[in-house]
C-alpha cells in the first residue's frame, strides 16, 4: 500500500511517517518499481503502535525503547513496566506543575480588581525581576507571598 493508505490505516500522517523513517525510528519502506514507498500490514501495525505510544506521551527516544522491547521476544516484562511507570511519574510531575501554574494564575487574578484602572497586580508580578522556578509548590508559595506583600502594601 502507498503512504497515503498507510497513513489512513494507522492514524499517522504521511509527513510523520516520512519523518520516522528519516530519523530511523522505523525502517525505510520498500519501494515500488516507480519509486513509491510500499507499506505492508506489519508496517501499519508498527505505526499504530507508535501512534498509541505518542498518545500516551512517550518521547521519540521512549518509543524507540518500546519498539526495541516489542521486537525482542526475549524481553523482560519488568523492563517494559519500568518504562511505563517512569512515564506515568513524568506525567504526574507535569500535572502537578500545571496545577501549580493554574493556582498561581488564579491567585493573581483574585488580586486584580478587573476594572477600568490601569493598575494591575498580574502585570506587576509578571514584570518582577525574579528568576523563574521549575514546578512544584515553591513557585506557588513564592507567588502567593509576593501577592500578599503587594496586597498589604
N, C-alpha and C. Protein backbone atom coordinates (compact mmCIF):
# COMPACT_ATOMS: atom_id res chain seq x y z
N UNK A 1 0.85 -1.18 0.00
CA UNK A 1 0.00 0.00 0.00
C UNK A 1 0.89 1.24 0.00
N UNK A 2 0.37 2.34 -0.54
CA UNK A 2 1.18 3.57 -0.60
C UNK A 2 1.13 4.30 0.74
N UNK A 3 1.87 5.38 0.83
CA UNK A 3 2.00 6.09 2.09
C UNK A 3 0.67 6.70 2.54
N UNK A 4 -0.15 7.14 1.62
CA UNK A 4 -1.45 7.70 1.97
C UNK A 4 -2.36 6.66 2.61
N UNK A 5 -2.36 5.46 2.04
CA UNK A 5 -3.17 4.38 2.60
C UNK A 5 -2.64 3.97 3.97
N UNK A 6 -1.30 3.89 4.10
CA UNK A 6 -0.69 3.54 5.39
C UNK A 6 -1.04 4.60 6.44
N UNK A 7 -1.00 5.84 6.03
CA UNK A 7 -1.35 6.93 6.94
C UNK A 7 -2.81 6.81 7.38
N UNK A 8 -3.68 6.57 6.43
CA UNK A 8 -5.11 6.45 6.73
C UNK A 8 -5.39 5.28 7.67
N UNK A 9 -4.75 4.15 7.43
CA UNK A 9 -5.00 2.96 8.23
C UNK A 9 -4.34 3.01 9.62
N UNK A 10 -3.27 3.77 9.73
CA UNK A 10 -2.54 3.81 11.00
C UNK A 10 -2.88 5.00 11.88
N UNK A 11 -3.41 6.06 11.28
CA UNK A 11 -3.68 7.27 12.05
C UNK A 11 -2.45 8.15 12.21
N UNK A 12 -1.39 7.84 11.47
CA UNK A 12 -0.16 8.63 11.48
C UNK A 12 -0.08 9.35 10.14
N UNK A 13 0.17 10.64 10.16
CA UNK A 13 0.21 11.38 8.90
C UNK A 13 1.38 10.93 8.03
N UNK A 14 1.22 11.13 6.73
CA UNK A 14 2.29 10.77 5.79
C UNK A 14 3.58 11.52 6.13
N UNK A 15 3.43 12.77 6.53
CA UNK A 15 4.60 13.58 6.90
C UNK A 15 5.34 12.95 8.08
N UNK A 16 4.59 12.49 9.09
CA UNK A 16 5.22 11.86 10.26
C UNK A 16 5.84 10.51 9.89
N UNK A 17 5.20 9.78 9.00
CA UNK A 17 5.78 8.50 8.56
C UNK A 17 7.14 8.76 7.92
N UNK A 18 7.20 9.75 7.04
CA UNK A 18 8.48 10.08 6.39
C UNK A 18 9.51 10.51 7.44
N UNK A 19 9.06 11.30 8.43
CA UNK A 19 9.96 11.74 9.50
C UNK A 19 10.47 10.54 10.30
N UNK A 20 9.59 9.63 10.68
CA UNK A 20 10.00 8.44 11.44
C UNK A 20 11.02 7.62 10.66
N UNK A 21 10.85 7.54 9.34
CA UNK A 21 11.83 6.84 8.51
C UNK A 21 13.16 7.61 8.52
N UNK A 22 13.09 8.91 8.37
CA UNK A 22 14.29 9.75 8.30
C UNK A 22 15.14 9.62 9.57
N UNK A 23 14.49 9.57 10.74
CA UNK A 23 15.25 9.52 12.00
C UNK A 23 15.59 8.09 12.41
N UNK A 24 15.12 7.12 11.63
CA UNK A 24 15.44 5.73 11.92
C UNK A 24 14.54 5.07 12.95
N UNK A 25 13.42 5.70 13.29
CA UNK A 25 12.51 5.08 14.25
C UNK A 25 11.86 3.84 13.62
N UNK A 26 11.55 3.95 12.35
CA UNK A 26 11.04 2.80 11.60
C UNK A 26 11.95 2.56 10.41
N UNK A 27 12.01 1.32 9.93
CA UNK A 27 12.84 1.06 8.76
C UNK A 27 12.28 1.75 7.52
N UNK A 28 13.14 2.08 6.60
CA UNK A 28 12.68 2.69 5.35
C UNK A 28 11.81 1.69 4.62
N UNK A 29 10.73 2.19 4.06
CA UNK A 29 9.80 1.32 3.34
C UNK A 29 10.44 0.82 2.04
N UNK A 30 10.03 -0.35 1.65
CA UNK A 30 10.41 -0.85 0.33
C UNK A 30 9.84 0.10 -0.71
N UNK A 31 10.43 0.10 -1.88
CA UNK A 31 9.96 0.98 -2.95
C UNK A 31 9.42 0.15 -4.12
N UNK A 32 8.41 0.69 -4.76
CA UNK A 32 7.89 0.05 -5.96
C UNK A 32 8.84 0.34 -7.11
N UNK A 33 8.60 -0.29 -8.25
CA UNK A 33 9.46 -0.03 -9.42
C UNK A 33 9.41 1.42 -9.84
N UNK A 34 8.31 2.09 -9.54
CA UNK A 34 8.18 3.50 -9.90
C UNK A 34 8.71 4.44 -8.82
N UNK A 35 9.22 3.87 -7.72
CA UNK A 35 9.86 4.69 -6.69
C UNK A 35 8.98 5.07 -5.52
N UNK A 36 7.72 4.65 -5.53
CA UNK A 36 6.83 4.98 -4.42
C UNK A 36 7.08 4.05 -3.24
N UNK A 37 6.90 4.60 -2.03
CA UNK A 37 7.01 3.77 -0.83
C UNK A 37 5.90 2.73 -0.85
N UNK A 38 6.23 1.54 -0.38
CA UNK A 38 5.27 0.44 -0.36
C UNK A 38 5.23 -0.15 1.05
N UNK A 39 4.10 0.01 1.73
CA UNK A 39 3.97 -0.42 3.13
C UNK A 39 3.17 -1.71 3.21
N UNK A 40 3.51 -2.51 4.21
CA UNK A 40 2.85 -3.78 4.45
C UNK A 40 1.93 -3.65 5.67
N UNK A 41 1.12 -4.67 5.90
CA UNK A 41 0.27 -4.68 7.09
C UNK A 41 1.10 -4.62 8.38
N UNK A 42 2.23 -5.36 8.47
CA UNK A 42 3.06 -5.21 9.69
C UNK A 42 3.60 -3.78 9.87
N UNK A 43 3.89 -3.09 8.77
CA UNK A 43 4.33 -1.70 8.87
C UNK A 43 3.23 -0.83 9.49
N UNK A 44 2.00 -1.05 9.04
CA UNK A 44 0.87 -0.29 9.57
C UNK A 44 0.67 -0.62 11.05
N UNK A 45 0.83 -1.88 11.40
CA UNK A 45 0.69 -2.29 12.80
C UNK A 45 1.73 -1.56 13.66
N UNK A 46 2.97 -1.47 13.16
CA UNK A 46 4.03 -0.77 13.89
C UNK A 46 3.69 0.72 14.01
N UNK A 47 3.14 1.31 12.97
CA UNK A 47 2.76 2.72 13.01
C UNK A 47 1.65 2.96 14.03
N UNK A 48 0.70 2.03 14.12
CA UNK A 48 -0.35 2.14 15.15
C UNK A 48 0.25 2.06 16.55
N UNK A 49 1.22 1.17 16.72
CA UNK A 49 1.94 1.04 18.00
C UNK A 49 2.57 2.39 18.36
N UNK A 50 3.24 3.00 17.39
CA UNK A 50 3.89 4.29 17.61
C UNK A 50 2.85 5.36 17.95
N UNK A 51 1.75 5.36 17.22
CA UNK A 51 0.69 6.35 17.47
C UNK A 51 0.14 6.21 18.88
N UNK A 52 -0.06 5.00 19.31
CA UNK A 52 -0.57 4.76 20.67
C UNK A 52 0.43 5.23 21.72
N UNK A 53 1.71 4.93 21.49
CA UNK A 53 2.75 5.37 22.43
C UNK A 53 2.83 6.89 22.47
N UNK A 54 2.68 7.55 21.31
CA UNK A 54 2.68 9.02 21.27
C UNK A 54 1.47 9.55 22.04
N UNK A 55 0.31 8.90 21.88
CA UNK A 55 -0.89 9.32 22.60
C UNK A 55 -0.68 9.25 24.11
N UNK A 56 0.17 8.34 24.55
CA UNK A 56 0.47 8.20 25.98
C UNK A 56 1.63 9.09 26.42
N UNK A 57 2.11 9.92 25.49
CA UNK A 57 3.11 10.92 25.84
C UNK A 57 4.55 10.46 25.80
N UNK A 58 4.82 9.31 25.22
CA UNK A 58 6.21 8.86 25.14
C UNK A 58 6.97 9.71 24.13
N UNK A 59 8.21 10.00 24.45
CA UNK A 59 9.09 10.73 23.55
C UNK A 59 9.53 9.78 22.43
N UNK A 60 10.19 10.34 21.44
CA UNK A 60 10.74 9.51 20.36
C UNK A 60 11.72 8.49 20.94
N UNK A 61 12.56 8.93 21.86
CA UNK A 61 13.53 8.00 22.49
C UNK A 61 12.79 6.90 23.24
N UNK A 62 11.74 7.26 23.96
CA UNK A 62 10.95 6.27 24.68
C UNK A 62 10.27 5.29 23.75
N UNK A 63 9.76 5.81 22.64
CA UNK A 63 9.12 4.94 21.65
C UNK A 63 10.14 3.99 21.04
N UNK A 64 11.32 4.51 20.79
CA UNK A 64 12.39 3.65 20.25
C UNK A 64 12.69 2.50 21.21
N UNK A 65 12.76 2.81 22.51
CA UNK A 65 12.99 1.76 23.51
C UNK A 65 11.84 0.76 23.51
N UNK A 66 10.62 1.27 23.45
CA UNK A 66 9.45 0.38 23.44
C UNK A 66 9.44 -0.51 22.20
N UNK A 67 9.78 0.07 21.05
CA UNK A 67 9.83 -0.73 19.82
C UNK A 67 10.88 -1.83 19.93
N UNK A 68 12.04 -1.48 20.49
CA UNK A 68 13.09 -2.50 20.67
C UNK A 68 12.59 -3.63 21.56
N UNK A 69 11.91 -3.28 22.63
CA UNK A 69 11.37 -4.30 23.53
C UNK A 69 10.26 -5.10 22.86
N UNK A 70 9.43 -4.44 22.10
CA UNK A 70 8.33 -5.10 21.40
C UNK A 70 8.85 -6.14 20.41
N UNK A 71 9.93 -5.78 19.73
CA UNK A 71 10.51 -6.68 18.72
C UNK A 71 11.29 -7.83 19.35
N UNK A 72 11.78 -7.63 20.57
CA UNK A 72 12.63 -8.61 21.25
C UNK A 72 11.75 -9.62 21.99
N UNK A 73 11.66 -10.81 21.47
CA UNK A 73 10.80 -11.83 22.09
C UNK A 73 11.41 -12.36 23.39
N UNK A 74 12.67 -12.05 23.66
CA UNK A 74 13.32 -12.46 24.91
C UNK A 74 13.30 -11.34 25.95
N UNK A 75 12.50 -10.34 25.71
CA UNK A 75 12.44 -9.18 26.61
C UNK A 75 11.94 -9.60 27.99
N UNK A 76 12.22 -8.74 28.94
CA UNK A 76 11.67 -8.91 30.29
C UNK A 76 10.51 -7.93 30.43
N UNK A 77 9.38 -8.41 30.86
CA UNK A 77 8.24 -7.51 31.03
C UNK A 77 8.55 -6.45 32.08
N UNK A 78 9.48 -6.75 32.99
CA UNK A 78 9.87 -5.77 34.01
C UNK A 78 10.47 -4.52 33.37
N UNK A 79 11.17 -4.70 32.24
CA UNK A 79 11.75 -3.55 31.55
C UNK A 79 10.66 -2.66 30.95
N UNK A 80 9.64 -3.30 30.39
CA UNK A 80 8.52 -2.55 29.81
C UNK A 80 7.76 -1.83 30.93
N UNK A 81 7.53 -2.54 32.01
CA UNK A 81 6.82 -1.96 33.16
C UNK A 81 7.57 -0.75 33.70
N UNK A 82 8.88 -0.85 33.78
CA UNK A 82 9.69 0.27 34.29
C UNK A 82 9.54 1.51 33.40
N UNK A 83 9.52 1.31 32.09
CA UNK A 83 9.32 2.44 31.18
C UNK A 83 7.95 3.08 31.39
N UNK A 84 6.93 2.24 31.52
CA UNK A 84 5.57 2.76 31.71
C UNK A 84 5.46 3.50 33.04
N UNK A 85 6.05 2.95 34.09
CA UNK A 85 5.99 3.62 35.40
C UNK A 85 6.75 4.94 35.39
N UNK A 86 7.89 4.98 34.71
CA UNK A 86 8.66 6.22 34.63
C UNK A 86 7.86 7.28 33.87
N UNK A 87 7.19 6.88 32.79
CA UNK A 87 6.38 7.83 32.03
C UNK A 87 5.20 8.33 32.86
N UNK A 88 4.57 7.43 33.61
CA UNK A 88 3.46 7.82 34.48
C UNK A 88 3.94 8.84 35.52
N UNK A 89 5.12 8.62 36.09
CA UNK A 89 5.67 9.55 37.07
C UNK A 89 5.94 10.91 36.43
N UNK A 90 6.50 10.91 35.22
CA UNK A 90 6.73 12.16 34.49
C UNK A 90 5.42 12.91 34.31
N UNK A 91 4.37 12.18 33.94
CA UNK A 91 3.07 12.81 33.75
C UNK A 91 2.51 13.38 35.05
N UNK A 92 2.67 12.63 36.15
CA UNK A 92 2.20 13.14 37.44
C UNK A 92 2.94 14.44 37.81
N UNK A 93 4.24 14.50 37.55
CA UNK A 93 5.01 15.71 37.84
C UNK A 93 4.55 16.87 36.97
N UNK A 94 4.28 16.57 35.69
CA UNK A 94 3.82 17.61 34.78
C UNK A 94 2.44 18.12 35.22
N UNK A 95 1.56 17.20 35.63
CA UNK A 95 0.23 17.59 36.11
C UNK A 95 0.36 18.49 37.33
N UNK A 96 1.23 18.12 38.26
CA UNK A 96 1.43 18.93 39.47
C UNK A 96 1.93 20.32 39.09
N UNK A 97 2.84 20.38 38.14
CA UNK A 97 3.38 21.67 37.69
C UNK A 97 2.27 22.51 37.04
N UNK A 98 1.46 21.88 36.20
CA UNK A 98 0.36 22.60 35.55
C UNK A 98 -0.68 23.07 36.57
N UNK A 99 -0.98 22.23 37.56
CA UNK A 99 -1.92 22.64 38.61
C UNK A 99 -1.35 23.80 39.40
N UNK A 100 -0.06 23.78 39.65
CA UNK A 100 0.61 24.86 40.36
C UNK A 100 0.52 26.15 39.56
N UNK A 101 0.76 26.05 38.26
CA UNK A 101 0.68 27.23 37.40
C UNK A 101 -0.74 27.80 37.39
N UNK A 102 -1.72 26.91 37.27
CA UNK A 102 -3.12 27.36 37.27
C UNK A 102 -3.46 28.03 38.60
N UNK A 103 -2.99 27.46 39.70
CA UNK A 103 -3.24 28.04 41.01
C UNK A 103 -2.62 29.42 41.14
N UNK A 104 -1.43 29.58 40.64
CA UNK A 104 -0.76 30.88 40.69
C UNK A 104 -1.55 31.91 39.88
N UNK A 105 -1.97 31.51 38.69
CA UNK A 105 -2.75 32.44 37.87
C UNK A 105 -4.08 32.78 38.52
N UNK A 106 -4.72 31.81 39.14
CA UNK A 106 -5.97 32.08 39.85
C UNK A 106 -5.73 33.04 41.02
N UNK A 107 -4.63 32.83 41.76
CA UNK A 107 -4.30 33.73 42.87
C UNK A 107 -4.04 35.15 42.35
N UNK A 108 -3.31 35.25 41.25
CA UNK A 108 -3.05 36.57 40.68
C UNK A 108 -4.34 37.22 40.22
N UNK A 109 -5.20 36.46 39.58
CA UNK A 109 -6.47 37.01 39.10
C UNK A 109 -7.34 37.51 40.25
N UNK A 110 -7.29 36.82 41.39
CA UNK A 110 -8.07 37.27 42.56
C UNK A 110 -7.59 38.63 43.07
N UNK A 111 -6.32 38.94 42.86
CA UNK A 111 -5.79 40.22 43.36
C UNK A 111 -6.08 41.37 42.41
N UNK A 112 -6.56 41.06 41.23
CA UNK A 112 -6.81 42.10 40.23
C UNK A 112 -8.26 42.57 40.33
N UNK A 113 -8.43 43.88 40.41
CA UNK A 113 -9.78 44.44 40.51
C UNK A 113 -10.57 44.23 39.23
N UNK A 114 -9.88 44.15 38.11
CA UNK A 114 -10.57 43.94 36.84
C UNK A 114 -11.47 45.09 36.46
N UNK A 115 -11.03 46.30 36.78
CA UNK A 115 -11.85 47.48 36.49
C UNK A 115 -11.20 48.32 35.40
N UNK A 116 -11.58 49.57 35.31
CA UNK A 116 -11.08 50.47 34.27
C UNK A 116 -9.73 51.09 34.62
N UNK A 117 -9.26 50.89 35.84
CA UNK A 117 -7.98 51.48 36.27
C UNK A 117 -6.82 50.72 35.65
N UNK A 118 -5.70 51.37 35.39
CA UNK A 118 -4.57 50.70 34.76
C UNK A 118 -3.74 49.84 35.70
N UNK A 119 -3.86 50.04 37.00
CA UNK A 119 -3.05 49.29 37.96
C UNK A 119 -3.44 47.81 37.88
N UNK A 120 -2.43 46.96 37.69
CA UNK A 120 -2.73 45.54 37.54
C UNK A 120 -1.66 44.69 38.25
N UNK A 121 -2.01 44.02 39.33
CA UNK A 121 -1.04 43.19 40.05
C UNK A 121 -0.55 42.00 39.23
N UNK A 122 -1.35 41.56 38.25
CA UNK A 122 -0.91 40.45 37.40
C UNK A 122 0.30 40.89 36.58
N UNK A 123 0.19 42.05 35.95
CA UNK A 123 1.31 42.54 35.15
C UNK A 123 2.52 42.87 36.02
N UNK A 124 2.27 43.39 37.22
CA UNK A 124 3.38 43.67 38.15
C UNK A 124 4.12 42.38 38.48
N UNK A 125 3.38 41.32 38.74
CA UNK A 125 4.01 40.04 39.06
C UNK A 125 4.83 39.50 37.89
N UNK A 126 4.26 39.59 36.69
CA UNK A 126 4.97 39.10 35.50
C UNK A 126 6.22 39.91 35.22
N UNK A 127 6.19 41.19 35.55
CA UNK A 127 7.32 42.07 35.29
C UNK A 127 8.37 42.03 36.39
N UNK A 128 8.08 41.38 37.50
CA UNK A 128 9.02 41.33 38.62
C UNK A 128 10.33 40.70 38.17
N UNK A 129 11.42 41.21 38.69
CA UNK A 129 12.75 40.74 38.32
C UNK A 129 13.16 39.54 39.16
N UNK A 130 12.43 38.45 39.02
CA UNK A 130 12.79 37.25 39.78
C UNK A 130 12.99 36.10 38.79
N UNK A 131 13.86 35.21 39.17
CA UNK A 131 14.14 34.06 38.30
C UNK A 131 12.97 33.11 38.31
N UNK A 132 12.61 32.57 37.14
CA UNK A 132 11.53 31.58 37.12
C UNK A 132 11.96 30.31 37.84
N UNK A 133 10.98 29.64 38.44
CA UNK A 133 11.27 28.38 39.14
C UNK A 133 10.66 27.24 38.36
N UNK A 134 11.11 26.06 38.62
CA UNK A 134 10.62 24.87 37.94
C UNK A 134 9.66 24.11 38.81
N UNK A 135 8.39 24.11 38.45
CA UNK A 135 7.38 23.25 39.05
C UNK A 135 7.30 23.27 40.56
N UNK A 136 6.48 22.39 41.06
CA UNK A 136 6.36 22.19 42.49
C UNK A 136 5.69 23.34 43.21
N UNK A 137 5.59 23.20 44.52
CA UNK A 137 4.92 24.20 45.36
C UNK A 137 5.77 25.45 45.54
N UNK A 138 7.07 25.36 45.31
CA UNK A 138 7.94 26.52 45.51
C UNK A 138 7.42 27.72 44.73
N UNK A 139 7.07 27.49 43.47
CA UNK A 139 6.62 28.57 42.60
C UNK A 139 5.36 29.24 43.16
N UNK A 140 4.41 28.43 43.52
CA UNK A 140 3.14 28.98 44.01
C UNK A 140 3.33 29.69 45.34
N UNK A 141 4.10 29.09 46.24
CA UNK A 141 4.31 29.73 47.53
C UNK A 141 5.03 31.06 47.39
N UNK A 142 6.01 31.12 46.51
CA UNK A 142 6.71 32.39 46.29
C UNK A 142 5.75 33.42 45.72
N UNK A 143 4.94 32.99 44.75
CA UNK A 143 3.98 33.92 44.15
C UNK A 143 2.94 34.35 45.17
N UNK A 144 2.45 33.42 45.98
CA UNK A 144 1.47 33.76 47.00
C UNK A 144 2.04 34.77 47.97
N UNK A 145 3.28 34.58 48.38
CA UNK A 145 3.93 35.53 49.30
C UNK A 145 4.04 36.89 48.64
N UNK A 146 4.45 36.90 47.37
CA UNK A 146 4.59 38.17 46.66
C UNK A 146 3.23 38.85 46.51
N UNK A 147 2.20 38.09 46.23
CA UNK A 147 0.86 38.64 46.11
C UNK A 147 0.41 39.24 47.43
N UNK A 148 0.60 38.51 48.51
CA UNK A 148 0.19 39.00 49.82
C UNK A 148 0.95 40.27 50.17
N UNK A 149 2.23 40.34 49.83
CA UNK A 149 3.01 41.55 50.11
C UNK A 149 2.44 42.74 49.34
N UNK A 150 2.06 42.53 48.09
CA UNK A 150 1.51 43.63 47.29
C UNK A 150 0.13 44.05 47.80
N UNK A 151 -0.64 43.09 48.25
CA UNK A 151 -1.99 43.40 48.73
C UNK A 151 -1.90 44.24 50.00
N UNK A 152 -0.98 43.90 50.89
CA UNK A 152 -0.89 44.60 52.17
C UNK A 152 -0.10 45.89 52.08
N UNK A 153 0.62 46.12 50.97
CA UNK A 153 1.41 47.37 50.89
C UNK A 153 0.69 48.46 50.13
